Every structure is written in structure tokens, then in C-alpha cells.
C-alpha atoms as a PDB file:
ATOM      1  CA  UNK A   1     -47.077 -62.305  -5.630  1.00  0.00           C
ATOM      2  CA  UNK A   2     -43.964 -63.587  -4.598  1.00  0.00           C
ATOM      3  CA  UNK A   3     -44.055 -60.539  -1.697  1.00  0.00           C
ATOM      4  CA  UNK A   4     -47.428 -61.480  -0.339  1.00  0.00           C
ATOM      5  CA  UNK A   5     -47.498 -62.818   3.189  1.00  0.00           C
ATOM      6  CA  UNK A   6     -49.752 -63.812   5.886  1.00  0.00           C
ATOM      7  CA  UNK A   7     -49.927 -62.289   9.213  1.00  0.00           C
ATOM      8  CA  UNK A   8     -47.735 -64.495  11.782  1.00  0.00           C
ATOM      9  CA  UNK A   9     -49.711 -67.125  13.206  1.00  0.00           C
ATOM     10  CA  UNK A  10     -53.098 -66.638  10.757  1.00  0.00           C
ATOM     11  CA  UNK A  11     -53.498 -69.600   8.020  1.00  0.00           C
ATOM     12  CA  UNK A  12     -55.518 -68.387   4.847  1.00  0.00           C
ATOM     13  CA  UNK A  13     -58.232 -70.760   5.681  1.00  0.00           C
ATOM     14  CA  UNK A  14     -58.729 -68.824   9.080  1.00  0.00           C
ATOM     15  CA  UNK A  15     -59.071 -65.626   7.727  1.00  0.00           C
ATOM     16  CA  UNK A  16     -61.445 -67.134   5.082  1.00  0.00           C
ATOM     17  CA  UNK A  17     -63.719 -68.820   7.866  1.00  0.00           C
ATOM     18  CA  UNK A  18     -63.888 -65.742   9.947  1.00  0.00           C
ATOM     19  CA  UNK A  19     -64.160 -62.812   7.458  1.00  0.00           C
ATOM     20  CA  UNK A  20     -66.935 -65.223   5.390  1.00  0.00           C
ATOM     21  CA  UNK A  21     -64.774 -64.653   2.485  1.00  0.00           C
ATOM     22  CA  UNK A  22     -63.831 -67.957   0.917  1.00  0.00           C
ATOM     23  CA  UNK A  23     -61.753 -66.012  -1.664  1.00  0.00           C
ATOM     24  CA  UNK A  24     -59.847 -64.010   0.234  1.00  0.00           C
ATOM     25  CA  UNK A  25     -56.151 -63.671  -0.423  1.00  0.00           C
ATOM     26  CA  UNK A  26     -52.604 -62.074   0.647  1.00  0.00           C
ATOM     27  CA  UNK A  27     -51.946 -59.546  -1.676  1.00  0.00           C
ATOM     28  CA  UNK A  28     -48.364 -57.946  -2.962  1.00  0.00           C
ATOM     29  CA  UNK A  29     -47.591 -54.957  -0.793  1.00  0.00           C
ATOM     30  CA  UNK A  30     -45.863 -53.210  -3.595  1.00  0.00           C
ATOM     31  CA  UNK A  31     -48.823 -50.839  -3.847  1.00  0.00           C
ATOM     32  CA  UNK A  32     -49.724 -47.356  -3.244  1.00  0.00           C
ATOM     33  CA  UNK A  33     -52.120 -46.804  -0.052  1.00  0.00           C
ATOM     34  CA  UNK A  34     -53.721 -44.372   1.772  1.00  0.00           C
ATOM     35  CA  UNK A  35     -55.561 -43.172   4.836  1.00  0.00           C
ATOM     36  CA  UNK A  36     -58.004 -40.859   3.543  1.00  0.00           C
ATOM     37  CA  UNK A  37     -60.699 -41.093   6.748  1.00  0.00           C
ATOM     38  CA  UNK A  38     -60.579 -37.595   7.704  1.00  0.00           C
ATOM     39  CA  UNK A  39     -62.377 -35.292   5.747  1.00  0.00           C
ATOM     40  CA  UNK A  40     -60.617 -31.895   4.677  1.00  0.00           C
ATOM     41  CA  UNK A  41     -57.229 -33.242   5.904  1.00  0.00           C
ATOM     42  CA  UNK A  42     -54.509 -34.009   3.798  1.00  0.00           C
ATOM     43  CA  UNK A  43     -54.123 -37.849   2.963  1.00  0.00           C
ATOM     44  CA  UNK A  44     -51.518 -39.869   5.114  1.00  0.00           C
ATOM     45  CA  UNK A  45     -49.568 -42.323   3.099  1.00  0.00           C
ATOM     46  CA  UNK A  46     -49.116 -45.557   4.681  1.00  0.00           C
ATOM     47  CA  UNK A  47     -46.494 -48.282   4.027  1.00  0.00           C
ATOM     48  CA  UNK A  48     -47.884 -51.704   3.990  1.00  0.00           C
ATOM     49  CA  UNK A  49     -46.500 -54.558   5.536  1.00  0.00           C
ATOM     50  CA  UNK A  50     -49.474 -57.124   4.910  1.00  0.00           C
ATOM     51  CA  UNK A  51     -52.563 -56.655   2.644  1.00  0.00           C
ATOM     52  CA  UNK A  52     -55.350 -58.942   2.760  1.00  0.00           C
ATOM     53  CA  UNK A  53     -57.549 -58.898  -0.373  1.00  0.00           C
ATOM     54  CA  UNK A  54     -61.440 -59.442  -0.202  1.00  0.00           C
ATOM     55  CA  UNK A  55     -62.917 -58.663  -3.816  1.00  0.00           C
ATOM     56  CA  UNK A  56     -63.055 -54.575  -3.597  1.00  0.00           C
ATOM     57  CA  UNK A  57     -62.042 -54.485   0.021  1.00  0.00           C
ATOM     58  CA  UNK A  58     -58.774 -54.933   2.002  1.00  0.00           C
ATOM     59  CA  UNK A  59     -57.334 -54.736   5.259  1.00  0.00           C
ATOM     60  CA  UNK A  60     -54.181 -53.551   5.401  1.00  0.00           C
ATOM     61  CA  UNK A  61     -51.107 -53.672   7.919  1.00  0.00           C
ATOM     62  CA  UNK A  62     -48.640 -50.964   7.988  1.00  0.00           C
ATOM     63  CA  UNK A  63     -45.307 -51.235   8.771  1.00  0.00           C
ATOM     64  CA  UNK A  64     -44.330 -50.072  12.596  1.00  0.00           C
ATOM     65  CA  UNK A  65     -48.013 -50.087  13.259  1.00  0.00           C
ATOM     66  CA  UNK A  66     -50.211 -52.238  15.061  1.00  0.00           C
ATOM     67  CA  UNK A  67     -53.767 -51.369  13.630  1.00  0.00           C
ATOM     68  CA  UNK A  68     -55.335 -52.833  10.736  1.00  0.00           C
ATOM     69  CA  UNK A  69     -56.807 -50.235   8.035  1.00  0.00           C
ATOM     70  CA  UNK A  70     -59.864 -51.313   5.984  1.00  0.00           C
ATOM     71  CA  UNK A  71     -60.124 -49.631   2.528  1.00  0.00           C
ATOM     72  CA  UNK A  72     -61.589 -49.878  -1.006  1.00  0.00           C
ATOM     73  CA  UNK A  73     -59.055 -51.796  -3.814  1.00  0.00           C
ATOM     74  CA  UNK A  74     -59.072 -50.151  -6.985  1.00  0.00           C
ATOM     75  CA  UNK A  75     -58.575 -51.648 -10.299  1.00  0.00           C
ATOM     76  CA  UNK A  76     -54.803 -50.396 -10.382  1.00  0.00           C
ATOM     77  CA  UNK A  77     -54.388 -51.717  -6.999  1.00  0.00           C
ATOM     78  CA  UNK A  78     -54.114 -48.884  -5.224  1.00  0.00           C
ATOM     79  CA  UNK A  79     -55.850 -48.677  -1.789  1.00  0.00           C
ATOM     80  CA  UNK A  80     -57.613 -45.714   0.185  1.00  0.00           C
ATOM     81  CA  UNK A  81     -58.447 -46.824   3.573  1.00  0.00           C
ATOM     82  CA  UNK A  82     -60.944 -45.228   5.546  1.00  0.00           C
ATOM     83  CA  UNK A  83     -61.446 -47.309   8.578  1.00  0.00           C
ATOM     84  CA  UNK A  84     -59.051 -48.935  11.166  1.00  0.00           C
ATOM     85  CA  UNK A  85     -59.346 -51.781  13.502  1.00  0.00           C
ATOM     86  CA  UNK A  86     -57.168 -52.409  16.834  1.00  0.00           C
ATOM     87  CA  UNK A  87     -56.827 -56.223  16.074  1.00  0.00           C
ATOM     88  CA  UNK A  88     -57.132 -58.452  12.802  1.00  0.00           C
ATOM     89  CA  UNK A  89     -59.796 -60.236  14.805  1.00  0.00           C
ATOM     90  CA  UNK A  90     -62.076 -57.539  14.479  1.00  0.00           C
ATOM     91  CA  UNK A  91     -61.198 -55.888  11.189  1.00  0.00           C
ATOM     92  CA  UNK A  92     -62.242 -59.262   9.647  1.00  0.00           C
ATOM     93  CA  UNK A  93     -65.367 -59.428  11.481  1.00  0.00           C
ATOM     94  CA  UNK A  94     -66.050 -55.907  10.321  1.00  0.00           C
ATOM     95  CA  UNK A  95     -65.697 -56.885   6.368  1.00  0.00           C
END
């Protein structure tokens, strides 16, 4: 997990406190991530800059995008995102 990183200005403790998940972690961003929120539309590939894991859920901040995407984290490490938030605080509260 050498590539795992936290959002600038955030500590892991802050992330855990706001999310309510005392086991939240920063995950390696080298994984397959798709935006699947539009039924019937082709899935969009997201290129993660930051990935935060919360058991079977996660938050993804893509490269060149200020939004945070919430999704399901699967056993193979892939992620399907189905909700978006304008800022990290709101995304953490939405978990």
C-alpha cells in the first residue's frame, strides 16, 4: 500500500471521526473504478487519485475532478461508484 494517500489537509483520524468508521483506511489507487450511476448508459472509467476504504464501501477522488464518488468495494479490489459528492466532508457524512 505504498501508493495509498490521504487528501491534502486531512488526517486519518479526522476521516474516521467524521465517517463514524474507526477502521477507515487509505487504499492503493491502482485499481479498476467505474461510474455506474446512469442506468442504461455506458459505464465511465474513473482514474483514482485517492481511495478511502470503509469496509465494503469506499470514496474515490478521481484525477482532474474535484468531486468525491461513493461506491462498492469488491473482493477483487475493483470499485463501482454510484453516488457523487461535491466535497469530502459531505461524502464522509453520507457513508
